[in-house]
Each structure stands twice: as C-alpha cells, then as structure tokens.
C-alpha atoms as a PDB file:
ATOM      1  CA  MET A   1       0.000   0.000   0.000  1.00  0.00           C
ATOM      2  CA  ILE A   2       1.240   3.475  -0.854  1.00  0.00           C
ATOM      3  CA  VAL A   3       1.108   5.933   2.012  1.00  0.00           C
ATOM      4  CA  ALA A   4       1.058   9.687   1.651  1.00  0.00           C
ATOM      5  CA  GLU A   5       4.769  10.109   2.397  1.00  0.00           C
ATOM      6  CA  ASP A   6       5.597   7.831  -0.542  1.00  0.00           C
ATOM      7  CA  TYR A   7       3.717   9.924  -3.068  1.00  0.00           C
ATOM      8  CA  GLU A   8       6.658  12.214  -3.865  1.00  0.00           C
ATOM      9  CA  SER A   9       8.876   9.326  -4.971  1.00  0.00           C
ATOM     10  CA  VAL A  10       5.997   7.768  -6.884  1.00  0.00           C
ATOM     11  CA  ALA A  11       5.288  11.046  -8.661  1.00  0.00           C
ATOM     12  CA  ASP A  12       8.921  11.457  -9.700  1.00  0.00           C
ATOM     13  CA  SER A  13       8.909   8.017 -11.295  1.00  0.00           C
ATOM     14  CA  ARG A  14       5.724   8.582 -13.279  1.00  0.00           C
ATOM     15  CA  ARG A  15       6.362   9.205 -16.939  1.00  0.00           C
ATOM     16  CA  PRO A  16       3.985   9.067 -19.899  1.00  0.00           C
ATOM     17  CA  HIS A  17       3.597   5.487 -21.114  1.00  0.00           C
ATOM     18  CA  PRO A  18       4.436   4.962 -24.805  1.00  0.00           C
ATOM     19  CA  ALA A  19       0.785   4.062 -25.411  1.00  0.00           C
ATOM     20  CA  GLN A  20      -0.253   7.353 -23.805  1.00  0.00           C
ATOM     21  CA  ARG A  21       2.095   9.260 -26.096  1.00  0.00           C
ATOM     22  CA  VAL A  22       0.613   7.550 -29.128  1.00  0.00           C
ATOM     23  CA  LEU A  23      -2.878   8.390 -27.856  1.00  0.00           C
ATOM     24  CA  VAL A  24      -1.946  12.052 -27.420  1.00  0.00           C
ATOM     25  CA  LEU A  25      -0.476  12.245 -30.911  1.00  0.00           C
ATOM     26  CA  ALA A  26      -3.616  10.593 -32.273  1.00  0.00           C
ATOM     27  CA  LEU A  27      -5.778  13.129 -30.414  1.00  0.00           C
ATOM     28  CA  ILE A  28      -3.771  16.024 -31.872  1.00  0.00           C
ATOM     29  CA  GLY A  29      -4.088  14.525 -35.349  1.00  0.00           C
ATOM     30  CA  VAL A  30      -7.847  14.131 -34.959  1.00  0.00           C
ATOM     31  CA  LEU A  31      -8.202  17.714 -33.736  1.00  0.00           C
ATOM     32  CA  LEU A  32      -6.292  18.960 -36.773  1.00  0.00           C
ATOM     33  CA  LEU A  33      -8.552  17.091 -39.200  1.00  0.00           C
ATOM     34  CA  LEU A  34     -11.978  17.381 -37.533  1.00  0.00           C
ATOM     35  CA  PRO A  35     -12.842  20.825 -38.998  1.00  0.00           C
ATOM     36  CA  LEU A  36     -12.884  19.177 -42.420  1.00  0.00           C
ATOM     37  CA  TRP A  37     -16.043  17.247 -41.459  1.00  0.00           C
ATOM     38  CA  ILE A  38     -17.604  18.966 -38.446  1.00  0.00           C
ATOM     39  CA  TYR A  39     -18.639  22.589 -37.972  1.00  0.00           C
ATOM     40  CA  PRO A  40     -15.718  24.300 -36.168  1.00  0.00           C
ATOM     41  CA  VAL A  41     -17.982  26.343 -33.844  1.00  0.00           C
ATOM     42  CA  LEU A  42     -19.538  23.155 -32.457  1.00  0.00           C
ATOM     43  CA  LEU A  43     -16.074  21.658 -31.919  1.00  0.00           C
ATOM     44  CA  MET A  44     -14.877  24.788 -30.124  1.00  0.00           C
ATOM     45  CA  LYS A  45     -17.945  24.788 -27.885  1.00  0.00           C
ATOM     46  CA  LEU A  46     -17.257  21.150 -27.043  1.00  0.00           C
ATOM     47  CA  MET A  47     -13.623  21.904 -26.186  1.00  0.00           C
ATOM     48  CA  CYS A  48     -14.624  24.848 -23.970  1.00  0.00           C
ATOM     49  CA  PHE A  49     -17.006  22.700 -21.951  1.00  0.00           C
ATOM     50  CA  ALA A  50     -14.593  19.757 -21.920  1.00  0.00           C
ATOM     51  CA  LEU A  51     -11.973  22.066 -20.389  1.00  0.00           C
ATOM     52  CA  PHE A  52     -14.564  23.352 -17.909  1.00  0.00           C
ATOM     53  CA  ALA A  53     -15.449  19.787 -16.896  1.00  0.00           C
ATOM     54  CA  SER A  54     -11.753  18.855 -16.649  1.00  0.00           C
ATOM     55  CA  ALA A  55     -11.197  21.825 -14.338  1.00  0.00           C
ATOM     56  CA  PHE A  56     -14.082  20.693 -12.156  1.00  0.00           C
ATOM     57  CA  ASN A  57     -12.766  17.114 -12.192  1.00  0.00           C
ATOM     58  CA  LEU A  58      -9.418  18.358 -10.873  1.00  0.00           C
ATOM     59  CA  LEU A  59     -11.264  19.442  -7.736  1.00  0.00           C
ATOM     60  CA  LEU A  60     -13.831  16.637  -7.410  1.00  0.00           C
ATOM     61  CA  GLY A  61     -12.093  13.652  -8.955  1.00  0.00           C
ATOM     62  CA  TYR A  62      -8.645  14.197  -7.434  1.00  0.00           C
ATOM     63  CA  GLY A  63      -9.416  16.372  -4.418  1.00  0.00           C
ATOM     64  CA  GLY A  64     -12.743  14.872  -3.377  1.00  0.00           C
ATOM     65  CA  LEU A  65     -14.322  18.344  -3.085  1.00  0.00           C
ATOM     66  CA  LEU A  66     -17.803  18.835  -4.562  1.00  0.00           C
ATOM     67  CA  SER A  67     -18.381  22.451  -5.549  1.00  0.00           C
ATOM     68  CA  PHE A  68     -21.798  23.780  -6.543  1.00  0.00           C
ATOM     69  CA  GLY A  69     -20.379  27.172  -7.480  1.00  0.00           C
ATOM     70  CA  HIS A  70     -18.001  26.688 -10.403  1.00  0.00           C
ATOM     71  CA  ALA A  71     -20.225  28.770 -12.659  1.00  0.00           C
ATOM     72  CA  ALA A  72     -18.923  31.849 -10.821  1.00  0.00           C
ATOM     73  CA  PHE A  73     -15.409  31.272 -12.195  1.00  0.00           C
ATOM     74  CA  PHE A  74     -16.604  30.265 -15.657  1.00  0.00           C
ATOM     75  CA  GLY A  75     -19.009  33.160 -16.050  1.00  0.00           C
ATOM     76  CA  GLY A  76     -16.896  35.693 -14.162  1.00  0.00           C
ATOM     77  CA  ALA A  77     -13.969  35.146 -16.503  1.00  0.00           C
ATOM     78  CA  ALA A  78     -16.332  35.372 -19.492  1.00  0.00           C
ATOM     79  CA  TYR A  79     -17.601  38.768 -18.289  1.00  0.00           C
ATOM     80  CA  VAL A  80     -14.099  40.141 -17.688  1.00  0.00           C
ATOM     81  CA  THR A  81     -12.841  38.914 -21.063  1.00  0.00           C
ATOM     82  CA  ALA A  82     -15.864  40.358 -22.880  1.00  0.00           C
ATOM     83  CA  HIS A  83     -15.529  43.683 -21.042  1.00  0.00           C
ATOM     84  CA  ALA A  84     -11.814  43.861 -21.816  1.00  0.00           C
ATOM     85  CA  LEU A  85     -12.434  43.255 -25.507  1.00  0.00           C
ATOM     86  CA  LYS A  86     -15.361  45.653 -25.836  1.00  0.00           C
ATOM     87  CA  VAL A  87     -14.443  48.530 -23.534  1.00  0.00           C
ATOM     88  CA  TRP A  88     -10.676  48.350 -23.076  1.00  0.00           C
ATOM     89  CA  GLU A  89     -10.160  47.139 -26.676  1.00  0.00           C
ATOM     90  CA  ILE A  90      -7.033  45.189 -25.803  1.00  0.00           C
ATOM     91  CA  ASN A  91      -5.592  42.172 -27.640  1.00  0.00           C
ATOM     92  CA  PRO A  92      -7.471  38.885 -27.076  1.00  0.00           C
ATOM     93  CA  GLU A  93      -4.534  37.215 -25.328  1.00  0.00           C
ATOM     94  CA  PHE A  94      -4.516  39.945 -22.658  1.00  0.00           C
ATOM     95  CA  ALA A  95      -8.308  39.784 -22.388  1.00  0.00           C
ATOM     96  CA  ILE A  96      -8.108  36.040 -21.753  1.00  0.00           C
ATOM     97  CA  LEU A  97      -5.353  36.551 -19.175  1.00  0.00           C
ATOM     98  CA  ALA A  98      -7.532  39.167 -17.460  1.00  0.00           C
ATOM     99  CA  GLY A  99     -10.413  36.704 -17.324  1.00  0.00           C
ATOM    100  CA  VAL A 100      -8.218  33.914 -15.933  1.00  0.00           C
ATOM    101  CA  GLY A 101      -6.720  36.333 -13.373  1.00  0.00           C
ATOM    102  CA  ALA A 102     -10.212  37.342 -12.245  1.00  0.00           C
ATOM    103  CA  ALA A 103     -11.181  33.670 -11.892  1.00  0.00           C
ATOM    104  CA  LEU A 104      -8.035  32.953  -9.859  1.00  0.00           C
ATOM    105  CA  GLY A 105      -8.733  35.905  -7.556  1.00  0.00           C
ATOM    106  CA  LEU A 106     -12.367  34.923  -7.118  1.00  0.00           C
ATOM    107  CA  GLY A 107     -11.325  31.319  -6.521  1.00  0.00           C
ATOM    108  CA  LEU A 108      -8.905  32.422  -3.824  1.00  0.00           C
ATOM    109  CA  VAL A 109     -11.580  34.459  -2.018  1.00  0.00           C
ATOM    110  CA  ILE A 110     -14.257  31.759  -2.214  1.00  0.00           C
ATOM    111  CA  GLY A 111     -11.731  29.023  -1.479  1.00  0.00           C
ATOM    112  CA  LEU A 112     -10.486  30.685   1.687  1.00  0.00           C
ATOM    113  CA  LEU A 113     -14.047  30.670   3.008  1.00  0.00           C
ATOM    114  CA  ALA A 114     -15.100  27.263   1.681  1.00  0.00           C
ATOM    115  CA  VAL A 115     -12.160  24.972   2.522  1.00  0.00           C
ATOM    116  CA  ARG A 116     -12.796  25.507   6.225  1.00  0.00           C
ATOM    117  CA  ARG A 117     -15.827  23.239   5.818  1.00  0.00           C
ATOM    118  CA  GLN A 118     -16.203  19.651   4.642  1.00  0.00           C
ATOM    119  CA  GLY A 119     -18.740  17.555   2.780  1.00  0.00           C
ATOM    120  CA  ILE A 120     -22.174  19.028   2.188  1.00  0.00           C
ATOM    121  CA  TYR A 121     -21.239  22.157   4.127  1.00  0.00           C
ATOM    122  CA  PHE A 122     -18.424  22.860   1.663  1.00  0.00           C
ATOM    123  CA  ALA A 123     -20.822  22.381  -1.248  1.00  0.00           C
ATOM    124  CA  MET A 124     -23.431  24.686   0.288  1.00  0.00           C
ATOM    125  CA  VAL A 125     -20.873  27.430   0.970  1.00  0.00           C
ATOM    126  CA  THR A 126     -19.708  27.359  -2.645  1.00  0.00           C
ATOM    127  CA  LEU A 127     -23.312  27.468  -3.858  1.00  0.00           C
ATOM    128  CA  ALA A 128     -24.193  30.402  -1.587  1.00  0.00           C
ATOM    129  CA  LEU A 129     -21.126  32.438  -2.589  1.00  0.00           C
ATOM    130  CA  SER A 130     -21.707  31.637  -6.255  1.00  0.00           C
ATOM    131  CA  GLN A 131     -25.286  32.904  -5.991  1.00  0.00           C
ATOM    132  CA  MET A 132     -24.024  36.072  -4.340  1.00  0.00           C
ATOM    133  CA  PHE A 133     -21.733  36.579  -7.320  1.00  0.00           C
ATOM    134  CA  TYR A 134     -24.660  35.927  -9.670  1.00  0.00           C
ATOM    135  CA  PHE A 135     -26.690  38.739  -8.083  1.00  0.00           C
ATOM    136  CA  PHE A 136     -23.620  40.975  -8.227  1.00  0.00           C
ATOM    137  CA  CYS A 137     -23.417  40.334 -11.981  1.00  0.00           C
ATOM    138  CA  LEU A 138     -27.128  41.036 -12.255  1.00  0.00           C
ATOM    139  CA  GLN A 139     -26.735  44.486 -10.643  1.00  0.00           C
ATOM    140  CA  ALA A 140     -23.241  45.568 -11.719  1.00  0.00           C
ATOM    141  CA  PRO A 141     -23.276  48.262 -14.434  1.00  0.00           C
ATOM    142  CA  PHE A 142     -20.434  46.814 -16.502  1.00  0.00           C
ATOM    143  CA  THR A 143     -22.272  43.480 -17.053  1.00  0.00           C
ATOM    144  CA  HIS A 144     -25.359  45.229 -18.527  1.00  0.00           C
ATOM    145  CA  GLY A 145     -27.691  43.062 -16.453  1.00  0.00           C
ATOM    146  CA  GLU A 146     -29.897  40.658 -18.373  1.00  0.00           C
ATOM    147  CA  ASP A 147     -28.650  41.979 -21.724  1.00  0.00           C
ATOM    148  CA  GLY A 148     -25.091  40.862 -21.046  1.00  0.00           C
ATOM    149  CA  ILE A 149     -21.996  42.035 -22.883  1.00  0.00           C
ATOM    150  CA  GLN A 150     -22.192  41.467 -26.622  1.00  0.00           C
ATOM    151  CA  GLY A 151     -21.267  42.917 -29.968  1.00  0.00           C
ATOM    152  CA  PHE A 152     -17.496  43.023 -29.556  1.00  0.00           C
ATOM    153  CA  SER A 153     -14.753  41.967 -31.960  1.00  0.00           C
ATOM    154  CA  ARG A 154     -12.501  38.981 -31.342  1.00  0.00           C
ATOM    155  CA  GLY A 155      -9.484  41.052 -32.326  1.00  0.00           C
ATOM    156  CA  LYS A 156      -6.101  39.846 -33.503  1.00  0.00           C
ATOM    157  CA  LEU A 157      -4.029  37.412 -31.474  1.00  0.00           C
ATOM    158  CA  PHE A 158      -0.601  38.967 -30.742  1.00  0.00           C
ATOM    159  CA  GLY A 159      -1.676  41.708 -33.129  1.00  0.00           C
ATOM    160  CA  ILE A 160      -1.099  39.377 -36.092  1.00  0.00           C
ATOM    161  CA  ILE A 161      -3.553  36.435 -36.203  1.00  0.00           C
ATOM    162  CA  ASP A 162      -7.071  37.555 -37.098  1.00  0.00           C
ATOM    163  CA  LEU A 163      -9.534  35.539 -34.994  1.00  0.00           C
ATOM    164  CA  ALA A 164     -12.569  36.658 -36.985  1.00  0.00           C
ATOM    165  CA  ASP A 165     -12.148  33.526 -39.096  1.00  0.00           C
ATOM    166  CA  SER A 166     -13.707  30.535 -37.286  1.00  0.00           C
ATOM    167  CA  THR A 167     -11.164  28.058 -38.637  1.00  0.00           C
ATOM    168  CA  THR A 168      -8.248  30.149 -37.376  1.00  0.00           C
ATOM    169  CA  LEU A 169      -9.911  30.523 -33.990  1.00  0.00           C
ATOM    170  CA  TYR A 170     -10.516  26.766 -33.910  1.00  0.00           C
ATOM    171  CA  TYR A 171      -6.816  25.951 -34.074  1.00  0.00           C
ATOM    172  CA  VAL A 172      -6.053  28.537 -31.386  1.00  0.00           C
ATOM    173  CA  VAL A 173      -8.706  27.045 -29.091  1.00  0.00           C
ATOM    174  CA  ALA A 174      -7.481  23.518 -29.863  1.00  0.00           C
ATOM    175  CA  ALA A 175      -3.896  24.487 -28.960  1.00  0.00           C
ATOM    176  CA  VAL A 176      -5.026  26.021 -25.660  1.00  0.00           C
ATOM    177  CA  PHE A 177      -7.218  22.974 -24.969  1.00  0.00           C
ATOM    178  CA  VAL A 178      -4.396  20.457 -25.499  1.00  0.00           C
ATOM    179  CA  ALA A 179      -1.941  22.562 -23.455  1.00  0.00           C
ATOM    180  CA  SER A 180      -4.465  22.855 -20.618  1.00  0.00           C
ATOM    181  CA  LEU A 181      -5.120  19.112 -20.556  1.00  0.00           C
ATOM    182  CA  PHE A 182      -1.378  18.484 -20.386  1.00  0.00           C
ATOM    183  CA  ALA A 183      -1.090  20.986 -17.518  1.00  0.00           C
ATOM    184  CA  ILE A 184      -3.898  19.234 -15.621  1.00  0.00           C
ATOM    185  CA  TRP A 185      -2.279  15.846 -16.263  1.00  0.00           C
ATOM    186  CA  ARG A 186       1.033  17.182 -14.981  1.00  0.00           C
ATOM    187  CA  ILE A 187      -0.591  18.615 -11.854  1.00  0.00           C
ATOM    188  CA  VAL A 188      -2.330  15.331 -11.112  1.00  0.00           C
ATOM    189  CA  HIS A 189       0.909  13.348 -11.466  1.00  0.00           C
ATOM    190  CA  SER A 190       3.063  15.818  -9.559  1.00  0.00           C
ATOM    191  CA  PRO A 191       3.908  15.460  -5.851  1.00  0.00           C
ATOM    192  CA  PHE A 192       1.169  18.019  -5.179  1.00  0.00           C
ATOM    193  CA  GLY A 193      -1.366  15.879  -7.038  1.00  0.00           C
ATOM    194  CA  MET A 194      -0.329  12.710  -5.266  1.00  0.00           C
ATOM    195  CA  ILE A 195      -0.653  14.325  -1.843  1.00  0.00           C
ATOM    196  CA  LEU A 196      -3.996  15.805  -2.889  1.00  0.00           C
ATOM    197  CA  GLN A 197      -5.232  12.307  -3.708  1.00  0.00           C
ATOM    198  CA  ALA A 198      -3.918  11.096  -0.356  1.00  0.00           C
ATOM    199  CA  VAL A 199      -5.982  13.815   1.311  1.00  0.00           C
ATOM    200  CA  ARG A 200      -9.011  12.673  -0.679  1.00  0.00           C
ATOM    201  CA  GLU A 201      -8.560   9.058   0.404  1.00  0.00           C
ATOM    202  CA  ASN A 202      -7.801   9.658   4.082  1.00  0.00           C
ATOM    203  CA  GLU A 203      -7.679  13.258   5.267  1.00  0.00           C
ATOM    204  CA  GLN A 204      -6.956  12.456   8.902  1.00  0.00           C
ATOM    205  CA  ARG A 205      -3.973  10.305   8.001  1.00  0.00           C
ATOM    206  CA  ALA A 206      -2.601  13.056   5.779  1.00  0.00           C
ATOM    207  CA  ILE A 207      -2.901  15.471   8.703  1.00  0.00           C
ATOM    208  CA  SER A 208      -1.118  13.022  10.978  1.00  0.00           C
ATOM    209  CA  LEU A 209       1.744  12.818   8.465  1.00  0.00           C
ATOM    210  CA  GLY A 210       2.233  16.565   8.763  1.00  0.00           C
ATOM    211  CA  TYR A 211       0.617  17.846   5.572  1.00  0.00           C
ATOM    212  CA  SER A 212      -1.276  21.119   5.666  1.00  0.00           C
ATOM    213  CA  VAL A 213      -4.524  19.767   4.288  1.00  0.00           C
ATOM    214  CA  GLN A 214      -6.258  23.129   3.940  1.00  0.00           C
ATOM    215  CA  ARG A 215      -3.381  24.527   1.882  1.00  0.00           C
ATOM    216  CA  TYR A 216      -3.584  21.626  -0.560  1.00  0.00           C
ATOM    217  CA  LYS A 217      -7.360  21.960  -0.795  1.00  0.00           C
ATOM    218  CA  LEU A 218      -7.070  25.693  -1.371  1.00  0.00           C
ATOM    219  CA  GLY A 219      -4.387  25.174  -4.014  1.00  0.00           C
ATOM    220  CA  ALA A 220      -6.563  22.666  -5.863  1.00  0.00           C
ATOM    221  CA  PHE A 221      -9.578  24.980  -5.581  1.00  0.00           C
ATOM    222  CA  VAL A 222      -7.717  27.967  -7.010  1.00  0.00           C
ATOM    223  CA  MET A 223      -6.162  25.975  -9.862  1.00  0.00           C
ATOM    224  CA  SER A 224      -9.546  24.482 -10.713  1.00  0.00           C
ATOM    225  CA  ALA A 225     -11.041  27.989 -10.719  1.00  0.00           C
ATOM    226  CA  GLY A 226      -8.274  29.194 -13.044  1.00  0.00           C
ATOM    227  CA  PHE A 227      -8.876  26.456 -15.619  1.00  0.00           C
ATOM    228  CA  ALA A 228     -12.641  27.022 -15.371  1.00  0.00           C
ATOM    229  CA  GLY A 229     -11.995  30.716 -15.988  1.00  0.00           C
ATOM    230  CA  LEU A 230      -9.890  29.885 -19.041  1.00  0.00           C
ATOM    231  CA  ALA A 231     -12.796  27.841 -20.422  1.00  0.00           C
ATOM    232  CA  GLY A 232     -15.188  30.733 -19.789  1.00  0.00           C
ATOM    233  CA  SER A 233     -12.862  33.229 -21.479  1.00  0.00           C
ATOM    234  CA  LEU A 234     -12.567  31.034 -24.565  1.00  0.00           C
ATOM    235  CA  LYS A 235     -16.339  30.629 -24.705  1.00  0.00           C
ATOM    236  CA  ALA A 236     -16.845  34.407 -24.523  1.00  0.00           C
ATOM    237  CA  LEU A 237     -14.282  34.877 -27.291  1.00  0.00           C
ATOM    238  CA  LEU A 238     -15.971  32.202 -29.402  1.00  0.00           C
ATOM    239  CA  PHE A 239     -19.585  33.409 -29.184  1.00  0.00           C
ATOM    240  CA  GLN A 240     -18.702  37.090 -28.678  1.00  0.00           C
ATOM    241  CA  PHE A 241     -21.013  37.572 -25.710  1.00  0.00           C
ATOM    242  CA  ALA A 242     -21.229  36.926 -21.974  1.00  0.00           C
ATOM    243  CA  THR A 243     -24.581  36.633 -20.204  1.00  0.00           C
ATOM    244  CA  LEU A 244     -26.088  35.699 -16.854  1.00  0.00           C
ATOM    245  CA  THR A 245     -26.480  32.138 -18.113  1.00  0.00           C
ATOM    246  CA  ASP A 246     -22.729  31.698 -17.659  1.00  0.00           C
ATOM    247  CA  VAL A 247     -22.903  32.487 -13.924  1.00  0.00           C
ATOM    248  CA  ASN A 248     -26.243  30.828 -13.171  1.00  0.00           C
ATOM    249  CA  TRP A 249     -26.362  27.818 -10.852  1.00  0.00           C
ATOM    250  CA  HIS A 250     -27.664  25.764 -13.790  1.00  0.00           C
ATOM    251  CA  MET A 251     -24.186  26.041 -15.318  1.00  0.00           C
ATOM    252  CA  SER A 252     -22.667  24.581 -12.149  1.00  0.00           C
ATOM    253  CA  GLY A 253     -25.144  21.713 -12.319  1.00  0.00           C
ATOM    254  CA  GLU A 254     -24.353  21.146 -15.969  1.00  0.00           C
ATOM    255  CA  VAL A 255     -20.623  20.758 -15.389  1.00  0.00           C
ATOM    256  CA  ILE A 256     -21.315  18.336 -12.520  1.00  0.00           C
ATOM    257  CA  LEU A 257     -23.503  16.310 -14.883  1.00  0.00           C
ATOM    258  CA  MET A 258     -20.787  16.252 -17.557  1.00  0.00           C
ATOM    259  CA  THR A 259     -18.137  15.101 -15.107  1.00  0.00           C
ATOM    260  CA  LEU A 260     -20.241  12.380 -13.511  1.00  0.00           C
ATOM    261  CA  LEU A 261     -21.438  11.041 -16.854  1.00  0.00           C
ATOM    262  CA  GLY A 262     -17.898  10.689 -18.189  1.00  0.00           C
ATOM    263  CA  GLY A 263     -16.403   9.469 -14.925  1.00  0.00           C
ATOM    264  CA  ILE A 264     -14.487  11.286 -12.223  1.00  0.00           C
ATOM    265  CA  GLY A 265     -10.840  10.715 -11.439  1.00  0.00           C
ATOM    266  CA  SER A 266      -9.643  10.385 -15.045  1.00  0.00           C
ATOM    267  CA  ILE A 267      -8.454  12.790 -17.712  1.00  0.00           C
ATOM    268  CA  ALA A 268     -10.690  11.350 -20.433  1.00  0.00           C
ATOM    269  CA  GLY A 269     -13.874  11.106 -18.367  1.00  0.00           C
ATOM    270  CA  PRO A 270     -14.873  14.802 -18.338  1.00  0.00           C
ATOM    271  CA  ILE A 271     -14.090  15.106 -22.056  1.00  0.00           C
ATOM    272  CA  VAL A 272     -16.398  12.198 -22.897  1.00  0.00           C
ATOM    273  CA  GLY A 273     -19.117  13.559 -20.591  1.00  0.00           C
ATOM    274  CA  ALA A 274     -18.886  17.051 -22.065  1.00  0.00           C
ATOM    275  CA  GLY A 275     -18.962  15.642 -25.585  1.00  0.00           C
ATOM    276  CA  LEU A 276     -22.088  13.634 -24.807  1.00  0.00           C
ATOM    277  CA  VAL A 277     -23.966  16.547 -23.212  1.00  0.00           C
ATOM    278  CA  VAL A 278     -22.981  19.147 -25.817  1.00  0.00           C
ATOM    279  CA  THR A 279     -23.813  16.772 -28.689  1.00  0.00           C
ATOM    280  CA  LEU A 280     -27.227  15.978 -27.213  1.00  0.00           C
ATOM    281  CA  GLN A 281     -27.961  19.653 -26.660  1.00  0.00           C
ATOM    282  CA  ASN A 282     -26.942  20.509 -30.204  1.00  0.00           C
ATOM    283  CA  HIS A 283     -29.027  17.789 -31.856  1.00  0.00           C
ATOM    284  CA  LEU A 284     -32.074  18.235 -29.616  1.00  0.00           C
ATOM    285  CA  ALA A 285     -32.170  22.034 -29.849  1.00  0.00           C
ATOM    286  CA  THR A 286     -34.161  21.929 -33.085  1.00  0.00           C
ATOM    287  CA  SER A 287     -35.905  18.582 -32.632  1.00  0.00           C
ATOM    288  CA  GLY A 288     -38.758  19.664 -30.408  1.00  0.00           C
ATOM    289  CA  PHE A 289     -37.781  17.224 -27.640  1.00  0.00           C
ATOM    290  CA  PRO A 290     -37.303  18.730 -24.160  1.00  0.00           C
ATOM    291  CA  VAL A 291     -33.536  18.865 -23.731  1.00  0.00           C
ATOM    292  CA  THR A 292     -33.529  18.715 -19.929  1.00  0.00           C
ATOM    293  CA  THR A 293     -35.788  15.638 -19.931  1.00  0.00           C
ATOM    294  CA  VAL A 294     -33.517  13.767 -22.338  1.00  0.00           C
ATOM    295  CA  LEU A 295     -30.404  14.752 -20.359  1.00  0.00           C
ATOM    296  CA  GLY A 296     -32.083  13.608 -17.150  1.00  0.00           C
ATOM    297  CA  ALA A 297     -33.016  10.266 -18.698  1.00  0.00           C
ATOM    298  CA  THR A 298     -29.462   9.888 -20.024  1.00  0.00           C
ATOM    299  CA  PHE A 299     -28.058  10.577 -16.561  1.00  0.00           C
ATOM    300  CA  ILE A 300     -30.385   8.006 -14.964  1.00  0.00           C
ATOM    301  CA  ALA A 301     -29.413   5.409 -17.585  1.00  0.00           C
ATOM    302  CA  CYS A 302     -25.710   6.054 -16.997  1.00  0.00           C
ATOM    303  CA  VAL A 303     -26.152   5.809 -13.217  1.00  0.00           C
ATOM    304  CA  LEU A 304     -27.859   2.436 -13.626  1.00  0.00           C
ATOM    305  CA  LEU A 305     -25.523   1.032 -16.281  1.00  0.00           C
ATOM    306  CA  PHE A 306     -22.249   2.917 -15.693  1.00  0.00           C
ATOM    307  CA  ARG A 307     -22.033   3.646 -11.982  1.00  0.00           C
ATOM    308  CA  ARG A 308     -18.414   4.755 -12.320  1.00  0.00           C
ATOM    309  CA  GLY A 309     -19.177   6.894 -15.348  1.00  0.00           C
ATOM    310  CA  ILE A 310     -18.674   5.850 -18.957  1.00  0.00           C
ATOM    311  CA  VAL A 311     -14.871   5.957 -18.941  1.00  0.00           C
ATOM    312  CA  GLY A 312     -14.607   4.645 -15.383  1.00  0.00           C
ATOM    313  CA  GLU A 313     -16.808   1.655 -16.147  1.00  0.00           C
ATOM    314  CA  LEU A 314     -14.877   0.828 -19.311  1.00  0.00           C
ATOM    315  CA  ARG A 315     -11.576   0.987 -17.424  1.00  0.00           C
ATOM    316  CA  HIS A 316     -13.028  -1.309 -14.757  1.00  0.00           C
ATOM    317  CA  ARG A 317     -14.492  -3.864 -17.152  1.00  0.00           C
ATOM    318  CA  LEU A 318     -11.749  -4.062 -19.776  1.00  0.00           C
ATOM    319  CA  PRO A 319      -9.298  -6.052 -17.553  1.00  0.00           C
ATOM    320  CA  ALA A 320     -12.096  -8.516 -16.732  1.00  0.00           C
ATOM    321  CA  TRP A 321     -12.950  -8.930 -20.416  1.00  0.00           C
ATOM    322  CA  ARG A 322      -9.289  -9.478 -21.251  1.00  0.00           C
ATOM    323  CA  ARG A 323      -9.009 -12.221 -18.601  1.00  0.00           C
ATOM    324  CA  LYS A 324     -11.986 -13.972 -20.165  1.00  0.00           C
END
C-alpha cells in the first residue's frame, strides 16, 4: 500500500507510457482534421465545456471536493474577457489573461471561506457564494444586467492572427485545450497531485503525516477555478457575448452532470461527458424534444448502467474482459 509520504517518490517516477504518447499524438491529429467534417464552432464549444469539466474534475475527482459554485469562475472570466475586448479594446490574449486572473482571484476568495468546511457544508458554501456573485453580476453596471456584454470583436491574437475567421480561432482554441489538458495531467501526477489524492482518500492520516490539508485543498480549488476561468474566457471569445447564463447555478449543475457522466478521477472522463452533453444539446435544440428531460433520462441510464461513469466503467471492465 502506498502511504502519503511515498507519493513524492511515486510522482517522480511517473512518466507518460508509450501508449499514452501515441494516444496524445492521435488526439492532436484528430483535432487537426476534424474541422474538415464537423462545424468548427460546435467543436470549439465542445472543447470549452470539456476544459470546464476537466477543471471541475481536478477538484472533485482528485481532491474529493464537490463544488456547486463553479459557474462563478466560468461566467466571471467570461464577463471580464468580454468587457476587456469591448471597452478596453485590448488584444485577445490579454483579455483572456484578465479573465483567468479574475477567476483565480475569485477562486482564492471563495476558497479561503469554503475549505474551512467539509462535505455538504463545503458544497453549500460554494453554492451560496456563487449565488451572491450571480446577483452581483445582475446588478453591476459593466455586465449590462440581463442583456449581457455582446457585440465586440474577437481582435487579432498577438496583433497578427485575425480571430474573426472561425477556422483560425478553432486551431487557437485547440492548442489552448491540449496545453491545458497536459497541464492538468502534470498537476495530477506531480507530488502536489499525489498528496492531494492522499488527502481525498484519508484526510486524517494526511494530517497526521504533517501535511497542511487546507493549503492543498485551497491550491486545488484555485487551480480548478483558473482552468474554469480559461474555459469561460474562450467561450466568450468564441460566441462574442457573456450573459447571466454563464454564472447561473444551472451552469454549475451542468458541469457536474458532464463530469459524472464521463467518470471522475480520469483525464478522459470529463471530455467524454462534455462531448455527450454538448452533442445531445446541439441535436435536440431543433428537434422539439425537451432537452432537460432527455439529459435527465441519459443521466439516470448512466447511473444504472455505468455507476463509475462511462470511462470509469470501461476501465473497470476491460481487464475482466481481457481475462476472459
């Protein structure tokens, strides 16, 4: 059995398996070719929500912390990025950095208050603070209330690359998406990530070994908020608007649904869950079927058939199938 004090040596010895490297190269190749067959805007929306779900999974899947308030970071960064592009008229890379910085700051404030509690109390604190931020966005002048911030230009990346073209923007979003997934993978397999998982498995034992549990929880919370903010900034840049929908509690529920459907505690799980939800929403939007009803039925079916999530259940069953 691996104890918490052994996680640093384990983390140092972890390197990408050759099969993982092949899988990553295959993913990059697929991302390069997908715009030839699928509408780039749909792909970019999927990547934004996949990154959002991956950010949430960093907190829930590896830290064991269930947050009901991640929409505050997603939507808050979207508002700041949209405001920076429309009012400040700065380059998109600085607008995105401003959005991520706002999400990190908000995550630090909410995290400092939330990590003092555990379990359902932690979840309720994040929900309450997220709702406070929602009403702030509703009343703040710069958000334009229910109208939101819209009608701004995407600008030119580094003053050179014109993001008005959807195909060009697609490859920029894809590059950020792949880099972010690698960063999350590196965090998870770092000494910090190993200790965070030790805290998730047995918090009291981690405390007895001398680890500052609250610091690790706060670090995971802030990093998760930052990646969620990056996803929100990219979404605002993609659709050229930011509205109250991005900070509503429904958005927090949606990212929880995506993560649980795909499977927590894995890099691929949130991506699969986000892909399933976004695809269903896209195809059902014009079909006349109630989207929420279909998503609810899908969630119930996955709970009954894939209790570990789609990816988690496949990972669990594949070794058994191979033995047979």
